[in-house]
C-alpha atoms as a PDB file:
ATOM      1  CA  UNK A   1     106.172 102.058  60.582  1.00  0.00           C
ATOM      2  CA  UNK A   2     108.301  99.140  59.368  1.00  0.00           C
ATOM      3  CA  UNK A   3     111.823  99.316  60.800  1.00  0.00           C
ATOM      4  CA  UNK A   4     114.898  97.352  59.760  1.00  0.00           C
ATOM      5  CA  UNK A   5     116.494  94.500  61.675  1.00  0.00           C
ATOM      6  CA  UNK A   6     116.566  94.600  65.457  1.00  0.00           C
ATOM      7  CA  UNK A   7     114.783  97.954  65.498  1.00  0.00           C
ATOM      8  CA  UNK A   8     111.544  96.110  64.680  1.00  0.00           C
ATOM      9  CA  UNK A   9     111.754  94.510  68.131  1.00  0.00           C
ATOM     10  CA  UNK A  10     111.544  97.827  69.996  1.00  0.00           C
ATOM     11  CA  UNK A  11     108.211  98.372  71.754  1.00  0.00           C
ATOM     12  CA  UNK A  12     105.007  96.345  72.125  1.00  0.00           C
ATOM     13  CA  UNK A  13     106.163  95.038  75.501  1.00  0.00           C
ATOM     14  CA  UNK A  14     103.825  93.071  77.808  1.00  0.00           C
ATOM     15  CA  UNK A  15     101.623  94.804  80.381  1.00  0.00           C
ATOM     16  CA  UNK A  16     101.213  92.442  83.343  1.00  0.00           C
ATOM     17  CA  UNK A  17      99.350  92.587  86.640  1.00  0.00           C
ATOM     18  CA  UNK A  18     101.246  92.148  89.907  1.00  0.00           C
ATOM     19  CA  UNK A  19     100.078  89.095  91.835  1.00  0.00           C
ATOM     20  CA  UNK A  20     101.626  89.616  95.278  1.00  0.00           C
ATOM     21  CA  UNK A  21     102.814  93.199  95.791  1.00  0.00           C
ATOM     22  CA  UNK A  22      99.452  94.904  95.260  1.00  0.00           C
ATOM     23  CA  UNK A  23      98.032  96.038  98.636  1.00  0.00           C
ATOM     24  CA  UNK A  24      95.065  94.190 100.155  1.00  0.00           C
ATOM     25  CA  UNK A  25      91.797  95.930  99.258  1.00  0.00           C
ATOM     26  CA  UNK A  26      93.742  98.447  97.171  1.00  0.00           C
ATOM     27  CA  UNK A  27      93.930  99.056  93.455  1.00  0.00           C
ATOM     28  CA  UNK A  28      95.262  96.617  90.894  1.00  0.00           C
ATOM     29  CA  UNK A  29      98.808  97.375  89.740  1.00  0.00           C
ATOM     30  CA  UNK A  30      99.857  96.732  86.142  1.00  0.00           C
ATOM     31  CA  UNK A  31     103.445  97.171  84.968  1.00  0.00           C
ATOM     32  CA  UNK A  32     104.935  97.522  81.501  1.00  0.00           C
ATOM     33  CA  UNK A  33     107.873  95.096  81.173  1.00  0.00           C
ATOM     34  CA  UNK A  34     110.232  97.388  79.289  1.00  0.00           C
ATOM     35  CA  UNK A  35     113.231  95.146  79.948  1.00  0.00           C
ATOM     36  CA  UNK A  36     111.966  93.042  77.047  1.00  0.00           C
ATOM     37  CA  UNK A  37     113.198  95.651  74.559  1.00  0.00           C
ATOM     38  CA  UNK A  38     116.333  94.520  72.640  1.00  0.00           C
ATOM     39  CA  UNK A  39     118.987  95.970  75.000  1.00  0.00           C
ATOM     40  CA  UNK A  40     116.852  95.338  78.053  1.00  0.00           C
ATOM     41  CA  UNK A  41     115.515  98.838  78.648  1.00  0.00           C
ATOM     42  CA  UNK A  42     112.871 101.422  77.832  1.00  0.00           C
ATOM     43  CA  UNK A  43     115.690 103.668  76.601  1.00  0.00           C
ATOM     44  CA  UNK A  44     115.655 101.771  73.298  1.00  0.00           C
ATOM     45  CA  UNK A  45     112.438 103.690  72.608  1.00  0.00           C
ATOM     46  CA  UNK A  46     114.082 107.031  73.446  1.00  0.00           C
ATOM     47  CA  UNK A  47     117.191 106.272  71.405  1.00  0.00           C
ATOM     48  CA  UNK A  48     115.125 105.361  68.360  1.00  0.00           C
ATOM     49  CA  UNK A  49     112.952 108.477  68.754  1.00  0.00           C
ATOM     50  CA  UNK A  50     115.997 110.767  69.039  1.00  0.00           C
ATOM     51  CA  UNK A  51     117.770 109.360  66.000  1.00  0.00           C
ATOM     52  CA  UNK A  52     114.677 109.050  63.792  1.00  0.00           C
ATOM     53  CA  UNK A  53     113.640 112.570  64.770  1.00  0.00           C
ATOM     54  CA  UNK A  54     117.069 113.970  63.886  1.00  0.00           C
ATOM     55  CA  UNK A  55     116.990 112.097  60.582  1.00  0.00           C
ATOM     56  CA  UNK A  56     113.552 113.479  59.786  1.00  0.00           C
ATOM     57  CA  UNK A  57     114.785 117.020  60.466  1.00  0.00           C
ATOM     58  CA  UNK A  58     117.938 116.392  58.391  1.00  0.00           C
ATOM     59  CA  UNK A  59     120.185 117.070  61.373  1.00  0.00           C
ATOM     60  CA  UNK A  60     122.191 113.862  60.862  1.00  0.00           C
ATOM     61  CA  UNK A  61     123.308 111.782  57.893  1.00  0.00           C
ATOM     62  CA  UNK A  62     126.011 109.396  56.710  1.00  0.00           C
ATOM     63  CA  UNK A  63     129.200 109.831  58.737  1.00  0.00           C
ATOM     64  CA  UNK A  64     127.568 111.592  61.690  1.00  0.00           C
ATOM     65  CA  UNK A  65     128.885 110.710  65.160  1.00  0.00           C
ATOM     66  CA  UNK A  66     126.112 110.490  67.756  1.00  0.00           C
ATOM     67  CA  UNK A  67     127.102 111.939  71.164  1.00  0.00           C
ATOM     68  CA  UNK A  68     125.303 111.413  74.460  1.00  0.00           C
ATOM     69  CA  UNK A  69     125.845 111.391  78.236  1.00  0.00           C
ATOM     70  CA  UNK A  70     124.218 108.568  80.201  1.00  0.00           C
ATOM     71  CA  UNK A  71     124.417 106.597  83.391  1.00  0.00           C
ATOM     72  CA  UNK A  72     123.389 103.379  81.722  1.00  0.00           C
ATOM     73  CA  UNK A  73     120.478 102.428  79.510  1.00  0.00           C
ATOM     74  CA  UNK A  74     120.397 105.267  76.965  1.00  0.00           C
ATOM     75  CA  UNK A  75     123.926 104.367  75.852  1.00  0.00           C
ATOM     76  CA  UNK A  76     123.162 100.778  74.831  1.00  0.00           C
ATOM     77  CA  UNK A  77     119.981 101.968  73.115  1.00  0.00           C
ATOM     78  CA  UNK A  78     121.878 104.511  71.033  1.00  0.00           C
ATOM     79  CA  UNK A  79     124.618 101.977  70.291  1.00  0.00           C
ATOM     80  CA  UNK A  80     121.998  99.508  69.060  1.00  0.00           C
ATOM     81  CA  UNK A  81     120.259 102.036  66.820  1.00  0.00           C
ATOM     82  CA  UNK A  82     123.607 103.350  65.608  1.00  0.00           C
ATOM     83  CA  UNK A  83     124.752  99.836  64.733  1.00  0.00           C
ATOM     84  CA  UNK A  84     121.651  99.135  62.641  1.00  0.00           C
ATOM     85  CA  UNK A  85     121.631 102.549  60.943  1.00  0.00           C
ATOM     86  CA  UNK A  86     125.395 102.892  60.469  1.00  0.00           C
ATOM     87  CA  UNK A  87     126.199 105.759  62.880  1.00  0.00           C
ATOM     88  CA  UNK A  88     129.223 105.891  65.174  1.00  0.00           C
ATOM     89  CA  UNK A  89     128.251 106.506  68.805  1.00  0.00           C
ATOM     90  CA  UNK A  90     130.271 108.344  71.474  1.00  0.00           C
ATOM     91  CA  UNK A  91     129.080 107.952  75.066  1.00  0.00           C
ATOM     92  CA  UNK A  92     130.189 109.893  78.153  1.00  0.00           C
ATOM     93  CA  UNK A  93     129.398 108.259  81.500  1.00  0.00           C
ATOM     94  CA  UNK A  94     130.729 108.080  85.071  1.00  0.00           C
ATOM     95  CA  UNK A  95     132.123 105.350  87.289  1.00  0.00           C
ATOM     96  CA  UNK A  96     129.406 106.197  89.837  1.00  0.00           C
ATOM     97  CA  UNK A  97     127.132 104.061  87.628  1.00  0.00           C
ATOM     98  CA  UNK A  98     127.208 100.280  87.169  1.00  0.00           C
ATOM     99  CA  UNK A  99     129.879  98.686  85.010  1.00  0.00           C
ATOM    100  CA  UNK A 100     127.595  96.288  83.116  1.00  0.00           C
ATOM    101  CA  UNK A 101     125.868  98.953  80.973  1.00  0.00           C
ATOM    102  CA  UNK A 102     129.281 100.235  79.885  1.00  0.00           C
ATOM    103  CA  UNK A 103     130.236  96.712  78.834  1.00  0.00           C
ATOM    104  CA  UNK A 104     127.031  96.455  76.818  1.00  0.00           C
ATOM    105  CA  UNK A 105     127.644  99.824  75.123  1.00  0.00           C
ATOM    106  CA  UNK A 106     131.111  98.705  74.059  1.00  0.00           C
ATOM    107  CA  UNK A 107     129.826  95.301  72.908  1.00  0.00           C
ATOM    108  CA  UNK A 108     127.388  97.131  70.607  1.00  0.00           C
ATOM    109  CA  UNK A 109     130.219  99.218  69.158  1.00  0.00           C
ATOM    110  CA  UNK A 110     130.027 102.492  71.116  1.00  0.00           C
ATOM    111  CA  UNK A 111     133.117 104.465  72.109  1.00  0.00           C
ATOM    112  CA  UNK A 112     132.747 105.018  75.874  1.00  0.00           C
ATOM    113  CA  UNK A 113     134.516 107.604  78.026  1.00  0.00           C
ATOM    114  CA  UNK A 114     134.206 107.052  81.790  1.00  0.00           C
ATOM    115  CA  UNK A 115     134.617 110.044  84.109  1.00  0.00           C
ATOM    116  CA  UNK A 116     135.733 109.343  87.701  1.00  0.00           C
ATOM    117  CA  UNK A 117     132.970 109.289  90.312  1.00  0.00           C
ATOM    118  CA  UNK A 118     133.016 112.220  92.711  1.00  0.00           C
ATOM    119  CA  UNK A 119     132.012 110.078  95.700  1.00  0.00           C
ATOM    120  CA  UNK A 120     132.168 106.441  94.638  1.00  0.00           C
ATOM    121  CA  UNK A 121     130.433 103.603  92.763  1.00  0.00           C
ATOM    122  CA  UNK A 122     126.691 103.436  93.288  1.00  0.00           C
ATOM    123  CA  UNK A 123     126.314 107.001  94.606  1.00  0.00           C
ATOM    124  CA  UNK A 124     125.105 109.530  92.030  1.00  0.00           C
ATOM    125  CA  UNK A 125     125.757 113.198  92.854  1.00  0.00           C
ATOM    126  CA  UNK A 126     124.715 116.391  91.048  1.00  0.00           C
ATOM    127  CA  UNK A 127     128.369 116.998  90.208  1.00  0.00           C
ATOM    128  CA  UNK A 128     128.641 113.642  88.422  1.00  0.00           C
ATOM    129  CA  UNK A 129     125.694 114.551  86.182  1.00  0.00           C
ATOM    130  CA  UNK A 130     126.982 118.061  85.542  1.00  0.00           C
ATOM    131  CA  UNK A 131     130.423 116.737  84.575  1.00  0.00           C
ATOM    132  CA  UNK A 132     128.969 114.267  82.090  1.00  0.00           C
ATOM    133  CA  UNK A 133     126.811 116.937  80.470  1.00  0.00           C
ATOM    134  CA  UNK A 134     129.760 119.318  80.153  1.00  0.00           C
ATOM    135  CA  UNK A 135     132.044 116.700  78.605  1.00  0.00           C
ATOM    136  CA  UNK A 136     129.420 115.534  76.109  1.00  0.00           C
ATOM    137  CA  UNK A 137     128.845 119.155  75.144  1.00  0.00           C
ATOM    138  CA  UNK A 138     132.550 119.512  74.346  1.00  0.00           C
ATOM    139  CA  UNK A 139     132.374 116.559  71.958  1.00  0.00           C
ATOM    140  CA  UNK A 140     129.225 118.007  70.395  1.00  0.00           C
ATOM    141  CA  UNK A 141     131.251 121.024  69.249  1.00  0.00           C
ATOM    142  CA  UNK A 142     133.403 118.827  66.991  1.00  0.00           C
ATOM    143  CA  UNK A 143     132.649 118.718  63.250  1.00  0.00           C
ATOM    144  CA  UNK A 144     130.021 116.190  62.135  1.00  0.00           C
ATOM    145  CA  UNK A 145     129.065 115.331  65.733  1.00  0.00           C
ATOM    146  CA  UNK A 146     125.392 115.377  66.775  1.00  0.00           C
ATOM    147  CA  UNK A 147     124.422 115.738  70.439  1.00  0.00           C
ATOM    148  CA  UNK A 148     121.170 113.846  71.030  1.00  0.00           C
ATOM    149  CA  UNK A 149     121.015 115.475  74.511  1.00  0.00           C
ATOM    150  CA  UNK A 150     118.384 113.223  76.051  1.00  0.00           C
ATOM    151  CA  UNK A 151     117.287 115.739  78.705  1.00  0.00           C
ATOM    152  CA  UNK A 152     116.467 118.368  76.077  1.00  0.00           C
ATOM    153  CA  UNK A 153     115.533 116.298  73.036  1.00  0.00           C
ATOM    154  CA  UNK A 154     112.284 117.456  71.405  1.00  0.00           C
ATOM    155  CA  UNK A 155     111.669 113.945  70.115  1.00  0.00           C
ATOM    156  CA  UNK A 156     111.426 111.789  73.244  1.00  0.00           C
ATOM    157  CA  UNK A 157     108.101 112.861  74.740  1.00  0.00           C
ATOM    158  CA  UNK A 158     106.278 112.424  71.391  1.00  0.00           C
ATOM    159  CA  UNK A 159     108.106 109.103  70.958  1.00  0.00           C
ATOM    160  CA  UNK A 160     106.945 107.806  74.356  1.00  0.00           C
ATOM    161  CA  UNK A 161     103.449 109.195  73.785  1.00  0.00           C
ATOM    162  CA  UNK A 162     102.955 107.418  70.477  1.00  0.00           C
ATOM    163  CA  UNK A 163     104.742 104.222  71.563  1.00  0.00           C
ATOM    164  CA  UNK A 164     104.442 103.440  75.261  1.00  0.00           C
ATOM    165  CA  UNK A 165     101.374 105.603  75.864  1.00  0.00           C
ATOM    166  CA  UNK A 166      99.388 104.249  72.909  1.00  0.00           C
ATOM    167  CA  UNK A 167     100.232 100.682  73.894  1.00  0.00           C
ATOM    168  CA  UNK A 168      98.819 101.212  77.401  1.00  0.00           C
ATOM    169  CA  UNK A 169      95.766 102.946  75.960  1.00  0.00           C
ATOM    170  CA  UNK A 170      95.152 100.176  73.438  1.00  0.00           C
ATOM    171  CA  UNK A 171      95.172  97.615  76.252  1.00  0.00           C
ATOM    172  CA  UNK A 172      93.256  99.470  78.969  1.00  0.00           C
ATOM    173  CA  UNK A 173      91.408 102.332  77.270  1.00  0.00           C
ATOM    174  CA  UNK A 174      90.306 105.034  79.699  1.00  0.00           C
ATOM    175  CA  UNK A 175      90.152 102.707  82.724  1.00  0.00           C
ATOM    176  CA  UNK A 176      93.539 103.741  84.172  1.00  0.00           C
ATOM    177  CA  UNK A 177      92.991 105.519  87.505  1.00  0.00           C
ATOM    178  CA  UNK A 178      96.610 106.561  88.061  1.00  0.00           C
ATOM    179  CA  UNK A 179      99.897 106.460  86.190  1.00  0.00           C
ATOM    180  CA  UNK A 180     103.246 106.986  87.904  1.00  0.00           C
ATOM    181  CA  UNK A 181     106.896 106.937  86.875  1.00  0.00           C
ATOM    182  CA  UNK A 182     110.228 108.185  88.112  1.00  0.00           C
ATOM    183  CA  UNK A 183     111.616 111.330  86.532  1.00  0.00           C
ATOM    184  CA  UNK A 184     114.879 111.116  84.622  1.00  0.00           C
ATOM    185  CA  UNK A 185     114.420 113.053  81.403  1.00  0.00           C
ATOM    186  CA  UNK A 186     110.690 113.103  82.169  1.00  0.00           C
ATOM    187  CA  UNK A 187     109.636 111.365  78.966  1.00  0.00           C
ATOM    188  CA  UNK A 188     108.539 108.088  80.582  1.00  0.00           C
ATOM    189  CA  UNK A 189     106.163 110.051  82.799  1.00  0.00           C
ATOM    190  CA  UNK A 190     104.966 112.787  80.462  1.00  0.00           C
ATOM    191  CA  UNK A 191     104.714 110.934  77.140  1.00  0.00           C
ATOM    192  CA  UNK A 192     102.084 108.431  78.326  1.00  0.00           C
ATOM    193  CA  UNK A 193     100.483 111.085  80.555  1.00  0.00           C
ATOM    194  CA  UNK A 194      99.460 113.128  77.511  1.00  0.00           C
ATOM    195  CA  UNK A 195      97.601 110.335  75.757  1.00  0.00           C
ATOM    196  CA  UNK A 196      96.163 108.711  78.903  1.00  0.00           C
ATOM    197  CA  UNK A 197      94.713 112.026  80.083  1.00  0.00           C
ATOM    198  CA  UNK A 198      92.988 112.504  76.733  1.00  0.00           C
ATOM    199  CA  UNK A 199      91.234 109.177  77.285  1.00  0.00           C
ATOM    200  CA  UNK A 200      90.467 109.866  80.970  1.00  0.00           C
ATOM    201  CA  UNK A 201      90.632 113.501  82.114  1.00  0.00           C
ATOM    202  CA  UNK A 202      90.271 112.338  85.738  1.00  0.00           C
ATOM    203  CA  UNK A 203      93.431 110.197  85.673  1.00  0.00           C
ATOM    204  CA  UNK A 204      95.977 110.953  88.412  1.00  0.00           C
ATOM    205  CA  UNK A 205      99.511 111.512  87.085  1.00  0.00           C
ATOM    206  CA  UNK A 206     102.161 111.063  89.787  1.00  0.00           C
ATOM    207  CA  UNK A 207     105.833 111.954  89.412  1.00  0.00           C
ATOM    208  CA  UNK A 208     108.307 109.939  91.484  1.00  0.00           C
ATOM    209  CA  UNK A 209     111.676 111.336  92.583  1.00  0.00           C
ATOM    210  CA  UNK A 210     114.518 110.263  94.902  1.00  0.00           C
ATOM    211  CA  UNK A 211     114.085 111.236  98.547  1.00  0.00           C
ATOM    212  CA  UNK A 212     117.805 112.058  98.592  1.00  0.00           C
ATOM    213  CA  UNK A 213     117.346 114.742  95.919  1.00  0.00           C
ATOM    214  CA  UNK A 214     113.712 115.916  96.119  1.00  0.00           C
ATOM    215  CA  UNK A 215     114.003 118.932  93.836  1.00  0.00           C
ATOM    216  CA  UNK A 216     110.583 118.509  92.192  1.00  0.00           C
ATOM    217  CA  UNK A 217     109.087 118.781  95.678  1.00  0.00           C
ATOM    218  CA  UNK A 218     111.055 121.942  96.403  1.00  0.00           C
ATOM    219  CA  UNK A 219     113.971 120.326  98.240  1.00  0.00           C
ATOM    220  CA  UNK A 220     117.717 120.463  97.659  1.00  0.00           C
ATOM    221  CA  UNK A 221     119.808 118.385  95.267  1.00  0.00           C
ATOM    222  CA  UNK A 222     121.762 115.587  96.900  1.00  0.00           C
ATOM    223  CA  UNK A 223     123.178 112.065  96.416  1.00  0.00           C
ATOM    224  CA  UNK A 224     120.989 109.015  95.874  1.00  0.00           C
ATOM    225  CA  UNK A 225     121.227 105.415  94.609  1.00  0.00           C
ATOM    226  CA  UNK A 226     118.296 105.130  92.191  1.00  0.00           C
ATOM    227  CA  UNK A 227     120.166 104.941  88.895  1.00  0.00           C
ATOM    228  CA  UNK A 228     118.170 106.331  85.993  1.00  0.00           C
ATOM    229  CA  UNK A 229     116.462 109.102  87.973  1.00  0.00           C
ATOM    230  CA  UNK A 230     117.840 112.615  87.625  1.00  0.00           C
ATOM    231  CA  UNK A 231     117.353 114.213  91.030  1.00  0.00           C
ATOM    232  CA  UNK A 232     116.771 117.616  89.433  1.00  0.00           C
ATOM    233  CA  UNK A 233     114.085 119.373  87.402  1.00  0.00           C
ATOM    234  CA  UNK A 234     114.740 118.297  83.795  1.00  0.00           C
ATOM    235  CA  UNK A 235     114.200 120.863  81.042  1.00  0.00           C
ATOM    236  CA  UNK A 236     111.301 118.892  79.543  1.00  0.00           C
ATOM    237  CA  UNK A 237     109.366 118.604  82.817  1.00  0.00           C
ATOM    238  CA  UNK A 238     105.817 120.014  82.645  1.00  0.00           C
ATOM    239  CA  UNK A 239     104.356 120.489  86.139  1.00  0.00           C
ATOM    240  CA  UNK A 240     100.923 121.298  84.714  1.00  0.00           C
ATOM    241  CA  UNK A 241     100.592 117.646  83.645  1.00  0.00           C
ATOM    242  CA  UNK A 242     101.462 116.322  87.121  1.00  0.00           C
ATOM    243  CA  UNK A 243      98.884 115.961  89.897  1.00  0.00           C
ATOM    244  CA  UNK A 244     101.205 114.826  92.694  1.00  0.00           C
ATOM    245  CA  UNK A 245     104.855 114.109  93.499  1.00  0.00           C
ATOM    246  CA  UNK A 246     106.013 111.223  95.678  1.00  0.00           C
ATOM    247  CA  UNK A 247     109.531 110.701  97.013  1.00  0.00           C
ATOM    248  CA  UNK A 248     111.058 107.227  97.167  1.00  0.00           C
ATOM    249  CA  UNK A 249     113.957 106.392  99.468  1.00  0.00           C
ATOM    250  CA  UNK A 250     116.926 104.304  98.362  1.00  0.00           C
ATOM    251  CA  UNK A 251     115.891 101.653 100.884  1.00  0.00           C
ATOM    252  CA  UNK A 252     112.323 101.476  99.540  1.00  0.00           C
ATOM    253  CA  UNK A 253     113.640 101.166  96.002  1.00  0.00           C
ATOM    254  CA  UNK A 254     116.121  98.415  96.913  1.00  0.00           C
ATOM    255  CA  UNK A 255     113.689  96.341  98.964  1.00  0.00           C
ATOM    256  CA  UNK A 256     110.942  96.536  96.335  1.00  0.00           C
ATOM    257  CA  UNK A 257     113.412  95.548  93.611  1.00  0.00           C
ATOM    258  CA  UNK A 258     114.213  92.350  95.496  1.00  0.00           C
ATOM    259  CA  UNK A 259     110.542  91.675  96.224  1.00  0.00           C
ATOM    260  CA  UNK A 260     109.721  92.011  92.530  1.00  0.00           C
ATOM    261  CA  UNK A 261     112.306  89.360  91.719  1.00  0.00           C
ATOM    262  CA  UNK A 262     111.404  86.959  94.512  1.00  0.00           C
ATOM    263  CA  UNK A 263     107.640  87.390  94.723  1.00  0.00           C
ATOM    264  CA  UNK A 264     106.685  88.339  91.151  1.00  0.00           C
ATOM    265  CA  UNK A 265     109.488  86.882  88.996  1.00  0.00           C
ATOM    266  CA  UNK A 266     110.179  90.359  87.598  1.00  0.00           C
ATOM    267  CA  UNK A 267     113.947  90.886  87.409  1.00  0.00           C
ATOM    268  CA  UNK A 268     114.590  94.595  87.101  1.00  0.00           C
ATOM    269  CA  UNK A 269     116.932  97.391  88.108  1.00  0.00           C
ATOM    270  CA  UNK A 270     116.473  99.700  91.079  1.00  0.00           C
ATOM    271  CA  UNK A 271     114.489 102.283  89.115  1.00  0.00           C
ATOM    272  CA  UNK A 272     111.919  99.555  88.413  1.00  0.00           C
ATOM    273  CA  UNK A 273     111.708  98.783  92.107  1.00  0.00           C
ATOM    274  CA  UNK A 274     111.343 102.481  92.849  1.00  0.00           C
ATOM    275  CA  UNK A 275     108.507 102.851  90.311  1.00  0.00           C
ATOM    276  CA  UNK A 276     106.652  99.912  91.807  1.00  0.00           C
ATOM    277  CA  UNK A 277     107.215 101.217  95.348  1.00  0.00           C
ATOM    278  CA  UNK A 278     105.448 104.383  94.241  1.00  0.00           C
ATOM    279  CA  UNK A 279     102.664 102.415  92.558  1.00  0.00           C
ATOM    280  CA  UNK A 280     102.084 100.358  95.708  1.00  0.00           C
ATOM    281  CA  UNK A 281     101.772 103.537  97.779  1.00  0.00           C
ATOM    282  CA  UNK A 282      99.256 105.005  95.331  1.00  0.00           C
ATOM    283  CA  UNK A 283      97.295 101.753  95.057  1.00  0.00           C
ATOM    284  CA  UNK A 284      96.907 101.599  98.851  1.00  0.00           C
ATOM    285  CA  UNK A 285      94.934 104.860  98.721  1.00  0.00           C
ATOM    286  CA  UNK A 286      92.537 103.552  96.061  1.00  0.00           C
ATOM    287  CA  UNK A 287      89.943 100.800  95.807  1.00  0.00           C
ATOM    288  CA  UNK A 288      89.843  97.354  94.172  1.00  0.00           C
ATOM    289  CA  UNK A 289      88.040  98.691  91.101  1.00  0.00           C
ATOM    290  CA  UNK A 290      90.888 101.105  90.357  1.00  0.00           C
ATOM    291  CA  UNK A 291      93.988 100.500  88.210  1.00  0.00           C
ATOM    292  CA  UNK A 292      97.483 101.916  88.728  1.00  0.00           C
ATOM    293  CA  UNK A 293      99.986 101.587  85.882  1.00  0.00           C
ATOM    294  CA  UNK A 294     103.739 102.010  86.014  1.00  0.00           C
ATOM    295  CA  UNK A 295     106.836 100.926  84.118  1.00  0.00           C
ATOM    296  CA  UNK A 296     109.636  98.474  84.840  1.00  0.00           C
ATOM    297  CA  UNK A 297     112.281 100.321  82.826  1.00  0.00           C
ATOM    298  CA  UNK A 298     115.189  97.909  82.586  1.00  0.00           C
ATOM    299  CA  UNK A 299     116.689  94.529  83.369  1.00  0.00           C
ATOM    300  CA  UNK A 300     118.392  93.504  86.582  1.00  0.00           C
ATOM    301  CA  UNK A 301     121.201  91.882  84.591  1.00  0.00           C
ATOM    302  CA  UNK A 302     122.891  95.291  84.370  1.00  0.00           C
ATOM    303  CA  UNK A 303     122.961  95.591  88.151  1.00  0.00           C
ATOM    304  CA  UNK A 304     124.024  92.191  89.451  1.00  0.00           C
ATOM    305  CA  UNK A 305     127.277  93.691  90.753  1.00  0.00           C
ATOM    306  CA  UNK A 306     125.446  96.560  92.499  1.00  0.00           C
ATOM    307  CA  UNK A 307     122.848  97.005  95.192  1.00  0.00           C
ATOM    308  CA  UNK A 308     120.526  95.308  95.940  1.00  0.00           C
ATOM    309  CA  UNK A 309     121.558  92.145  94.087  1.00  0.00           C
ATOM    310  CA  UNK A 310     125.173  92.210  95.244  1.00  0.00           C
ATOM    311  CA  UNK A 311     124.147  91.852  98.894  1.00  0.00           C
ATOM    312  CA  UNK A 312     121.480  89.291  98.060  1.00  0.00           C
ATOM    313  CA  UNK A 313     123.854  86.938  96.237  1.00  0.00           C
ATOM    314  CA  UNK A 314     126.978  87.124  98.421  1.00  0.00           C
END
């Protein structure tokens, strides 16, 4: 599909092999560099899928205000797509998340409302998420407002299947032994999982979640520092597609994020470090002929004033 302007730059990101973090005698690890999308995040794909899907179903049109809640990357993605397509965008977020994504949303023309953090900057709690969802829902009740509702959107898993998943498949075919990703909305995990499993029924699909809120594993909700992960069971989650669940601690996510920058030249946010921490764990249980694939979802530029880069540069 030919898309106008900057939207043509969404997708077709590089898939690169890690040179130093892969375990000795373990599987190869390949990562999709999603920070090379226009706003520096995989969420450009989700934003485009949500808006194009709503257009196709005639749920939005000229004059519609797009409403969403987000901790960071979905907001800039929606603002970008809204700018190109002529939609106003209203974003609800929280001060528990980094400031830089909010600056980017505003730079791209979004109207941003920031709710106060329940604990403090950098610590995401279930109450912060619940408050954002509630407030966005209130805006969605206004006339000519459309709630994209990223955790319930019917468009994002197909969008990630046909975009991200097909790109991995086109590069590697059925040779992928395992695919893992952290669970926010679930689309980054489940979209590619559908198409990769068709090519290789034996593939191992592994969901990653924060150790501080291990709800997928049957634990209790709690605070954590891996921005972009949900810490709860999202409505779109399909356990029948998942073979295993791994928990990642904040410390593992932070340390791997720094190692990616310093040892691999991959400058990403903490969710990218968390994904790779999971991939390294999986790769250590496999052999050198196996391939583990994961995603580096966004750029570290949004998180320079937050952990782990704040401590590393002061």
